[in-house]
């Protein structure tokens, strides 16, 4: 075609002219019997030749992997930690929050800025094909996110490769995930108001950016923003979807989530003490899958199911081969052995699981003290140190002499004090006079001779 302002449907046929019949989209997930599950992806390849394989739980009805081929410049698996569709979005309300659930990010085929206006064949936009396989569930969906400075043209095909009408895609309502309740993804920059909502061409055409967009196109509003998305819940006849992608401003990327309704198993049980009474507060139940890996909650933490005041617990999970329950009591109690249950049943009632207080061993009764052994006569001293053989007799004699001299000095001092005490006549002094005064000697006769 020479006309650059051609329809996006020009290269693959006008969808509106395909009159293949299709049933109405599948009913919503039944919370009584179903639970949403998101595909887990493995990506391989390189720019221009990417492949990805997605797996859903068998209870979704998908027997094999979901295959993806893409000629985009980048195709990666993201964790869902910063960008997700919370439970307040219409897609999250159907299949559960996609927080911490994996998804794919896809960037345009060319690394340079896309042409303005973009065209189907100059350069050709990126093409990504998602094949769900021959055996698949009836209730599944996909969502295209971050469609703002770009557009995505979506087509659907059945098992025979026949293109289906746009209605078979089961488009939901365009919205902005950053404006939908809490928690808000961290990728939602700023306070909002997050009013950027993509346009969905369901019928007729939409001329913009020099292109006449055909039915089946999600069209962004030029500016690179956050949160613009559209969910789909296709008819069960849809086996394959093709995503033709182009940019209108810069080199943006878009997001692809894929989820399905899984048959649900509801596991109930009771935790008790040995005597049958409820367990202590703070008791929880953790769950491992058949591979021994812990089941995680929407925050990425190991799932911990609380045990109520009556000792009862309930957990809802996608049906699987088996699950293992691990009761974790608070400190001071002994954890019981893990219990493995059949996870392929709609309802599983676990027999009571008993926990017991930690048993602290009691101290044995005190024994009477043993009688000391009879002492043997001490060997005669030789004046030598055992083991060294040194002769210490001279030192002993010297020490004894010092002790004797000291003792004599103490005795002598005590006698002197006693003699000097009041009322005690001195040994060499004259006899005491009246009232204790010393008597004076008679004067010597100066006339007497010697």
Protein backbone atom coordinates (compact mmCIF):
# COMPACT_ATOMS: atom_id res chain seq x y z
CA UNK A 1 0.00 0.00 0.00
CA UNK A 2 1.23 3.46 -0.80
CA UNK A 3 -0.97 5.24 1.68
CA UNK A 4 1.01 5.80 4.91
CA UNK A 5 -2.21 6.64 6.79
CA UNK A 6 -3.49 3.10 6.47
CA UNK A 7 -5.45 1.06 8.94
CA UNK A 8 -3.56 -1.20 11.34
CA UNK A 9 -5.79 -3.97 10.13
CA UNK A 10 -4.45 -3.52 6.59
CA UNK A 11 -1.69 -6.08 6.97
CA UNK A 12 -3.78 -8.89 8.47
CA UNK A 13 -7.36 -8.36 7.33
CA UNK A 14 -10.24 -6.39 8.77
CA UNK A 15 -11.33 -8.06 11.99
CA UNK A 16 -14.85 -6.76 11.70
CA UNK A 17 -15.33 -8.75 8.50
CA UNK A 18 -14.56 -12.09 10.17
CA UNK A 19 -17.94 -13.53 11.07
CA UNK A 20 -16.85 -16.63 12.96
CA UNK A 21 -19.24 -17.11 15.86
CA UNK A 22 -18.05 -17.17 19.48
CA UNK A 23 -19.77 -17.79 22.76
CA UNK A 24 -20.03 -15.18 25.47
CA UNK A 25 -16.97 -14.69 27.71
CA UNK A 26 -16.59 -17.12 30.56
CA UNK A 27 -18.25 -16.37 33.85
CA UNK A 28 -16.40 -14.72 36.71
CA UNK A 29 -14.27 -16.71 39.12
CA UNK A 30 -16.54 -18.42 41.63
CA UNK A 31 -14.99 -17.69 45.04
CA UNK A 32 -16.79 -20.68 46.54
CA UNK A 33 -14.92 -23.18 44.38
CA UNK A 34 -12.15 -21.30 42.56
CA UNK A 35 -9.12 -19.15 43.24
CA UNK A 36 -7.04 -17.07 40.83
CA UNK A 37 -3.53 -18.11 39.78
CA UNK A 38 -0.94 -16.24 37.69
CA UNK A 39 1.39 -17.80 35.12
CA UNK A 40 5.04 -18.20 36.07
CA UNK A 41 7.39 -17.46 33.17
CA UNK A 42 10.74 -18.70 31.93
CA UNK A 43 12.32 -16.46 29.26
CA UNK A 44 14.96 -17.40 26.69
CA UNK A 45 16.43 -15.99 23.48
CA UNK A 46 17.69 -12.57 22.55
CA UNK A 47 16.58 -9.36 20.83
CA UNK A 48 14.40 -10.14 17.82
CA UNK A 49 13.98 -13.80 18.75
CA UNK A 50 12.64 -14.19 22.28
CA UNK A 51 10.68 -17.15 23.62
CA UNK A 52 8.93 -17.63 26.94
CA UNK A 53 7.19 -20.56 28.60
CA UNK A 54 4.44 -19.98 31.15
CA UNK A 55 3.07 -22.48 33.66
CA UNK A 56 -0.22 -22.46 35.53
CA UNK A 57 -1.37 -24.93 38.20
CA UNK A 58 -2.94 -28.05 36.67
CA UNK A 59 -6.16 -27.26 38.53
CA UNK A 60 -6.65 -24.32 36.12
CA UNK A 61 -7.22 -26.81 33.29
CA UNK A 62 -3.97 -25.88 31.50
CA UNK A 63 -2.21 -29.18 30.92
CA UNK A 64 0.96 -27.85 29.32
CA UNK A 65 3.06 -24.74 29.05
CA UNK A 66 1.86 -21.52 27.48
CA UNK A 67 4.31 -20.63 24.71
CA UNK A 68 5.30 -17.08 23.74
CA UNK A 69 7.38 -15.92 20.78
CA UNK A 70 8.37 -12.29 20.27
CA UNK A 71 10.54 -10.25 17.94
CA UNK A 72 10.72 -7.38 20.43
CA UNK A 73 14.00 -5.78 21.45
CA UNK A 74 13.55 -6.87 25.07
CA UNK A 75 11.30 -9.41 26.76
CA UNK A 76 11.82 -10.01 30.47
CA UNK A 77 10.00 -11.53 33.43
CA UNK A 78 9.22 -9.07 36.24
CA UNK A 79 8.51 -9.99 39.85
CA UNK A 80 5.38 -7.94 40.47
CA UNK A 81 6.92 -6.22 43.49
CA UNK A 82 6.69 -2.65 42.16
CA UNK A 83 4.04 -2.88 39.41
CA UNK A 84 0.87 -4.89 39.93
CA UNK A 85 -2.91 -4.92 39.67
CA UNK A 86 -4.27 -4.94 43.20
CA UNK A 87 -7.52 -6.56 44.27
CA UNK A 88 -9.40 -3.28 43.77
CA UNK A 89 -8.83 -3.33 40.00
CA UNK A 90 -11.40 -5.17 37.94
CA UNK A 91 -8.79 -7.72 36.83
CA UNK A 92 -7.55 -8.19 40.41
CA UNK A 93 -11.13 -8.62 41.59
CA UNK A 94 -11.49 -11.54 39.15
CA UNK A 95 -8.17 -13.33 39.61
CA UNK A 96 -6.77 -11.88 42.81
CA UNK A 97 -4.06 -9.27 43.28
CA UNK A 98 -1.07 -9.68 40.98
CA UNK A 99 1.26 -8.29 43.64
CA UNK A 100 4.47 -10.37 43.65
CA UNK A 101 3.06 -12.42 40.78
CA UNK A 102 5.27 -12.64 37.69
CA UNK A 103 4.49 -10.95 34.38
CA UNK A 104 6.26 -10.08 31.12
CA UNK A 105 7.56 -6.69 29.98
CA UNK A 106 7.85 -6.13 26.22
CA UNK A 107 9.65 -3.28 24.42
CA UNK A 108 9.24 -2.24 20.75
CA UNK A 109 11.18 -4.04 18.06
CA UNK A 110 13.36 -1.09 17.17
CA UNK A 111 15.78 0.38 19.69
CA UNK A 112 15.43 3.81 18.12
CA UNK A 113 12.44 6.05 18.54
CA UNK A 114 9.41 4.74 16.69
CA UNK A 115 8.49 6.67 13.56
CA UNK A 116 5.90 9.41 13.81
CA UNK A 117 3.44 8.53 12.53
CA UNK A 118 4.15 4.81 13.04
CA UNK A 119 3.17 2.41 10.31
CA UNK A 120 2.55 -1.31 10.12
CA UNK A 121 5.35 -2.07 7.68
CA UNK A 122 7.81 0.81 8.03
CA UNK A 123 9.29 -0.26 10.32
CA UNK A 124 7.07 -3.21 11.19
CA UNK A 125 5.93 -3.06 14.81
CA UNK A 126 6.82 -5.77 17.30
CA UNK A 127 4.76 -8.94 17.12
CA UNK A 128 4.24 -11.18 20.15
CA UNK A 129 2.28 -14.42 19.87
CA UNK A 130 0.81 -16.18 22.92
CA UNK A 131 -0.29 -19.80 22.34
CA UNK A 132 -2.30 -21.28 25.21
CA UNK A 133 -2.08 -24.88 24.02
CA UNK A 134 -4.74 -27.42 23.05
CA UNK A 135 -5.73 -28.29 26.64
CA UNK A 136 -6.67 -25.20 28.59
CA UNK A 137 -9.13 -23.95 31.15
CA UNK A 138 -12.37 -22.18 30.35
CA UNK A 139 -11.78 -19.20 32.64
CA UNK A 140 -8.57 -17.30 31.99
CA UNK A 141 -7.61 -13.73 31.33
CA UNK A 142 -4.79 -11.41 30.39
CA UNK A 143 -4.08 -7.75 31.02
CA UNK A 144 -2.02 -5.19 29.10
CA UNK A 145 -0.44 -2.58 31.34
CA UNK A 146 1.46 0.69 30.97
CA UNK A 147 -0.13 1.45 27.59
CA UNK A 148 0.36 5.22 27.43
CA UNK A 149 2.95 6.35 24.88
CA UNK A 150 2.19 3.36 22.66
CA UNK A 151 -0.54 1.14 21.22
CA UNK A 152 -1.29 -2.59 21.10
CA UNK A 153 -3.40 -4.21 18.38
CA UNK A 154 -4.88 -7.49 19.69
CA UNK A 155 -6.26 -10.36 17.62
CA UNK A 156 -7.62 -13.76 18.68
CA UNK A 157 -7.59 -17.16 16.95
CA UNK A 158 -9.21 -20.51 17.67
CA UNK A 159 -7.71 -24.02 17.57
CA UNK A 160 -8.05 -24.16 13.79
CA UNK A 161 -6.21 -20.85 13.37
CA UNK A 162 -9.37 -18.98 12.39
CA UNK A 163 -9.43 -15.34 13.46
CA UNK A 164 -12.21 -14.59 15.94
CA UNK A 165 -14.24 -11.37 16.26
CA UNK A 166 -13.17 -8.64 18.64
CA UNK A 167 -15.97 -9.57 21.04
CA UNK A 168 -14.23 -12.90 21.70
CA UNK A 169 -11.44 -11.00 23.48
CA UNK A 170 -13.81 -10.10 26.32
CA UNK A 171 -12.35 -6.64 26.89
CA UNK A 172 -13.02 -5.23 30.34
CA UNK A 173 -13.09 -1.51 31.22
CA UNK A 174 -9.95 0.59 30.62
CA UNK A 175 -8.62 2.01 33.88
CA UNK A 176 -5.57 3.16 35.82
CA UNK A 177 -4.15 0.74 38.39
CA UNK A 178 -2.51 3.57 40.35
CA UNK A 179 -5.94 5.02 41.15
CA UNK A 180 -7.43 1.74 42.37
CA UNK A 181 -7.44 1.41 46.14
CA UNK A 182 -4.59 0.16 48.26
CA UNK A 183 -1.86 -0.92 48.28
CA UNK A 184 -0.65 1.37 45.51
CA UNK A 185 2.23 0.03 43.40
CA UNK A 186 5.54 1.77 44.09
CA UNK A 187 5.88 2.34 40.33
CA UNK A 188 3.05 4.88 40.64
CA UNK A 189 5.16 8.03 40.90
CA UNK A 190 3.76 11.09 42.65
CA UNK A 191 0.41 11.76 44.32
CA UNK A 192 -1.71 11.39 41.20
CA UNK A 193 -4.49 11.94 40.28
CA UNK A 194 -3.57 9.06 37.89
CA UNK A 195 -6.26 9.87 35.39
CA UNK A 196 -4.44 8.54 32.31
CA UNK A 197 -6.70 5.79 30.93
CA UNK A 198 -6.06 4.08 27.57
CA UNK A 199 -8.67 4.02 24.83
CA UNK A 200 -10.18 0.76 23.57
CA UNK A 201 -11.37 0.60 19.99
CA UNK A 202 -14.24 -1.89 20.16
CA UNK A 203 -16.08 -0.84 17.01
CA UNK A 204 -15.48 1.59 14.20
CA UNK A 205 -12.10 3.27 13.93
CA UNK A 206 -10.04 5.80 15.89
CA UNK A 207 -7.91 8.23 13.88
CA UNK A 208 -4.93 9.49 15.88
CA UNK A 209 -1.17 9.97 15.47
CA UNK A 210 -1.70 9.80 11.70
CA UNK A 211 -3.10 6.27 11.98
CA UNK A 212 -6.60 4.94 11.64
CA UNK A 213 -6.77 2.44 14.48
CA UNK A 214 -8.98 -0.56 13.78
CA UNK A 215 -11.22 -2.39 16.28
CA UNK A 216 -9.19 -4.44 18.71
CA UNK A 217 -6.60 -1.75 19.49
CA UNK A 218 -5.60 -0.34 22.87
CA UNK A 219 -4.39 3.22 22.28
CA UNK A 220 -2.36 5.30 24.70
CA UNK A 221 -2.56 9.05 25.15
CA UNK A 222 1.02 9.93 24.08
CA UNK A 223 2.53 10.94 27.44
CA UNK A 224 4.58 8.32 29.31
CA UNK A 225 2.68 7.95 32.60
CA UNK A 226 1.96 5.18 35.12
CA UNK A 227 -0.87 2.71 35.62
CA UNK A 228 -2.84 2.80 32.33
CA UNK A 229 -4.12 -0.74 31.66
CA UNK A 230 -6.88 -2.87 30.15
CA UNK A 231 -7.89 -6.39 31.15
CA UNK A 232 -9.43 -9.13 29.00
CA UNK A 233 -11.42 -12.27 29.81
CA UNK A 234 -11.52 -14.12 26.48
CA UNK A 235 -14.03 -16.63 25.23
CA UNK A 236 -13.05 -20.30 25.86
CA UNK A 237 -12.71 -20.75 22.08
CA UNK A 238 -9.63 -18.50 22.04
CA UNK A 239 -6.41 -20.50 21.83
CA UNK A 240 -3.96 -17.93 20.51
CA UNK A 241 -3.61 -14.18 20.78
CA UNK A 242 -1.33 -11.94 18.76
CA UNK A 243 -0.11 -8.57 20.01
CA UNK A 244 1.07 -6.05 17.43
CA UNK A 245 2.86 -3.24 19.27
CA UNK A 246 4.14 0.19 18.37
CA UNK A 247 5.29 3.38 20.08
CA UNK A 248 4.16 6.95 19.49
CA UNK A 249 6.45 8.72 21.94
CA UNK A 250 9.94 7.64 22.89
CA UNK A 251 10.78 3.96 23.43
CA UNK A 252 8.27 2.71 26.00
CA UNK A 253 7.36 -0.81 27.01
CA UNK A 254 4.17 -2.57 28.04
CA UNK A 255 3.27 -5.30 30.51
CA UNK A 256 1.52 -8.63 30.01
CA UNK A 257 -0.17 -10.53 32.84
CA UNK A 258 -1.87 -13.90 32.32
CA UNK A 259 -4.05 -15.56 34.96
CA UNK A 260 -6.65 -18.30 35.25
CA UNK A 261 -9.23 -19.61 37.67
CA UNK A 262 -7.95 -22.65 39.54
CA UNK A 263 -10.11 -25.19 41.28
CA UNK A 264 -9.77 -24.44 44.97
CA UNK A 265 -9.01 -26.67 47.91
CA UNK A 266 -10.14 -25.51 51.35
CA UNK A 267 -8.08 -27.04 54.16
CA UNK A 268 -9.50 -26.86 57.68
CA UNK A 269 -8.14 -28.26 60.92
CA UNK A 270 -7.69 -27.88 64.64
CA UNK A 271 -4.59 -27.50 66.78
CA UNK A 272 -4.90 -28.66 70.41
CA UNK A 273 -2.80 -29.25 73.49
CA UNK A 274 -2.32 -32.81 74.68
CA UNK A 275 -5.37 -32.52 76.90
CA UNK A 276 -7.60 -31.34 74.05
CA UNK A 277 -7.71 -27.68 75.07
CA UNK A 278 -6.95 -24.89 72.55
CA UNK A 279 -3.28 -24.12 71.89
CA UNK A 280 -1.54 -21.01 73.24
CA UNK A 281 -2.09 -17.66 71.45
CA UNK A 282 0.35 -17.01 68.62
CA UNK A 283 0.19 -20.49 67.12
CA UNK A 284 0.30 -20.41 63.29
CA UNK A 285 0.28 -22.94 60.45
CA UNK A 286 2.76 -22.67 57.57
CA UNK A 287 2.24 -24.47 54.25
CA UNK A 288 4.74 -26.14 51.90
CA UNK A 289 3.93 -27.26 48.36
CA UNK A 290 4.67 -30.69 46.88
CA UNK A 291 8.24 -29.64 46.09
CA UNK A 292 8.85 -28.67 49.71
CA UNK A 293 8.88 -24.96 48.95
CA UNK A 294 6.95 -22.65 51.29
CA UNK A 295 3.73 -21.16 49.96
CA UNK A 296 4.07 -17.37 50.10
CA UNK A 297 1.59 -14.59 50.73
CA UNK A 298 1.05 -11.43 48.67
CA UNK A 299 3.96 -9.77 50.48
CA UNK A 300 6.39 -12.49 49.46
CA UNK A 301 6.66 -13.80 53.00
CA UNK A 302 6.04 -17.40 53.99
CA UNK A 303 2.31 -17.85 54.36
CA UNK A 304 1.31 -18.04 58.04
CA UNK A 305 -2.27 -19.10 58.72
CA UNK A 306 -3.41 -17.92 62.18
CA UNK A 307 -4.97 -20.38 64.61
CA UNK A 308 -7.98 -18.82 66.34
CA UNK A 309 -8.87 -18.92 70.04
CA UNK A 310 -10.68 -22.24 69.54
CA UNK A 311 -7.64 -23.80 67.89
CA UNK A 312 -9.21 -23.79 64.41
CA UNK A 313 -7.61 -22.72 61.11
CA UNK A 314 -8.66 -22.48 57.43
CA UNK A 315 -6.56 -21.93 54.31
CA UNK A 316 -7.65 -21.76 50.66
CA UNK A 317 -5.19 -22.79 47.94
CA UNK A 318 -5.23 -23.87 44.29
CA UNK A 319 -5.79 -27.61 44.08
CA UNK A 320 -2.48 -29.45 43.76
CA UNK A 321 -1.03 -32.90 44.33
CA UNK A 322 -0.37 -32.31 48.00
CA UNK A 323 0.40 -29.75 50.67
CA UNK A 324 2.32 -30.10 53.93
CA UNK A 325 1.14 -28.28 57.05
CA UNK A 326 3.74 -27.15 59.57
CA UNK A 327 2.34 -26.06 62.95
CA UNK A 328 4.52 -23.42 64.63
CA UNK A 329 3.62 -22.85 68.31
CA UNK A 330 5.09 -20.02 70.40
CA UNK A 331 8.25 -20.54 72.47
CA UNK A 332 7.82 -22.99 75.32
CA UNK A 333 5.94 -25.56 73.23
CA UNK A 334 7.20 -28.44 71.13
CA UNK A 335 6.23 -28.30 67.41
CA UNK A 336 4.47 -31.45 66.21
CA UNK A 337 5.53 -33.42 63.15
CA UNK A 338 4.45 -31.88 59.79
CA UNK A 339 1.22 -33.23 58.32
CA UNK A 340 0.88 -33.92 54.56
CA UNK A 341 -2.60 -33.69 53.04
CA UNK A 342 -4.15 -34.43 49.63
CA UNK A 343 -4.40 -31.08 47.86
CA UNK A 344 -6.47 -32.33 44.94
CA UNK A 345 -9.76 -32.34 46.84
CA UNK A 346 -12.22 -29.48 47.10
CA UNK A 347 -12.27 -29.77 50.89
CA UNK A 348 -9.78 -31.36 53.28
CA UNK A 349 -10.40 -31.75 57.02
CA UNK A 350 -7.24 -32.43 58.98
CA UNK A 351 -7.41 -34.52 62.19
CA UNK A 352 -6.51 -32.60 65.36
CA UNK A 353 -2.83 -31.75 65.58
CA UNK A 354 -1.45 -31.81 69.13
CA UNK A 355 1.29 -29.63 70.58
CA UNK A 356 2.82 -30.08 74.01
CA UNK A 357 4.72 -27.84 76.44
CA UNK A 358 8.45 -28.22 76.45
CA UNK A 359 9.38 -30.72 79.17
CA UNK A 360 12.15 -29.47 81.44
CA UNK A 361 13.98 -32.42 83.11
CA UNK A 362 13.72 -32.27 86.94
CA UNK A 363 16.88 -32.45 89.08
CA UNK A 364 17.52 -35.91 90.67
CA UNK A 365 17.22 -36.13 94.53
CA UNK A 366 20.34 -35.14 96.40
CA UNK A 367 22.47 -38.09 97.63
CA UNK A 368 23.96 -38.07 101.16
CA UNK A 369 27.56 -36.96 101.16
CA UNK A 370 30.01 -39.83 100.96
CA UNK A 371 32.10 -40.57 104.04
CA UNK A 372 35.62 -39.26 103.64
CA UNK A 373 38.19 -42.02 103.23
CA UNK A 374 40.29 -42.91 106.27
CA UNK A 375 43.34 -40.77 106.37
CA UNK A 376 46.69 -42.44 106.15
CA UNK A 377 49.57 -41.42 108.41
CA UNK A 378 51.44 -38.54 106.93
CA UNK A 379 54.86 -39.55 105.73
CA UNK A 380 57.76 -38.29 107.72
CA UNK A 381 59.02 -34.98 106.53
CA UNK A 382 62.31 -35.14 104.80
CA UNK A 383 62.61 -31.45 104.30
CA UNK A 384 62.39 -31.93 100.59
CA UNK A 385 59.71 -30.68 98.23
CA UNK A 386 57.85 -33.42 96.42
CA UNK A 387 58.57 -33.61 92.69
CA UNK A 388 61.31 -30.90 92.83
CA UNK A 389 63.50 -32.60 95.45
CA UNK A 390 64.70 -29.23 96.84
CA UNK A 391 66.02 -29.35 100.48
CA UNK A 392 64.18 -26.71 102.51
CA UNK A 393 65.24 -27.81 106.04
CA UNK A 394 67.55 -24.79 106.57
CA UNK A 395 64.77 -22.43 105.64
CA UNK A 396 62.38 -24.13 108.05
CA UNK A 397 64.89 -23.79 110.92
CA UNK A 398 65.45 -20.14 110.11
CA UNK A 399 61.72 -19.46 110.03
CA UNK A 400 61.26 -21.24 113.35
CA UNK A 401 64.00 -19.13 114.93
CA UNK A 402 62.40 -15.94 113.72
CA UNK A 403 59.06 -17.04 115.16
CA UNK A 404 60.66 -17.83 118.57
CA UNK A 405 62.41 -14.47 118.78
CA UNK A 406 59.18 -12.72 117.90
CA UNK A 407 57.23 -14.67 120.52
CA UNK A 408 59.80 -13.79 123.19
CA UNK A 409 59.58 -10.13 122.33
CA UNK A 410 55.78 -10.22 122.65
CA UNK A 411 55.97 -11.88 126.10
CA UNK A 412 58.58 -9.42 127.31
CA UNK A 413 56.47 -6.47 126.20
CA UNK A 414 53.41 -7.88 127.96
CA UNK A 415 55.32 -8.28 131.24
CA UNK A 416 56.62 -4.76 131.07
CA UNK A 417 53.11 -3.43 130.54
CA UNK A 418 51.78 -5.41 133.49
CA UNK A 419 54.53 -4.11 135.77
CA UNK A 420 53.97 -0.57 134.69
CA UNK A 421 50.25 -0.76 135.41
CA UNK A 422 48.84 1.60 138.17
CA UNK A 423 48.92 0.14 141.76
CA UNK A 424 51.57 -2.43 140.85
CA UNK A 425 54.88 -1.89 142.69
CA UNK A 426 57.81 -1.67 140.43
CA UNK A 427 60.39 -4.34 140.80
CA UNK A 428 63.37 -2.03 141.43
CA UNK A 429 61.61 1.01 142.96
CA UNK A 430 61.06 1.78 146.64
CA UNK A 431 57.91 0.64 148.33
CA UNK A 432 54.90 2.83 147.66
CA UNK A 433 53.93 5.46 150.18
CA UNK A 434 50.48 6.31 151.36
CA UNK A 435 47.83 6.62 148.62
CA UNK A 436 50.13 5.09 146.15
CA UNK A 437 52.81 7.70 146.28
CA UNK A 438 56.35 6.32 146.25
CA UNK A 439 58.08 6.30 149.53
CA UNK A 440 61.22 8.42 149.68
CA UNK A 441 64.42 6.97 150.79
CA UNK A 442 65.80 8.35 154.13
CA UNK A 443 68.42 11.01 153.57
CA UNK A 444 71.89 9.76 153.83
CA UNK A 445 73.97 10.94 156.79
CA UNK A 446 76.51 13.31 155.41
CA UNK A 447 78.64 12.76 158.52
CA UNK A 448 78.78 9.06 158.34
CA UNK A 449 81.80 7.54 156.84
CA UNK A 450 81.98 4.96 154.32
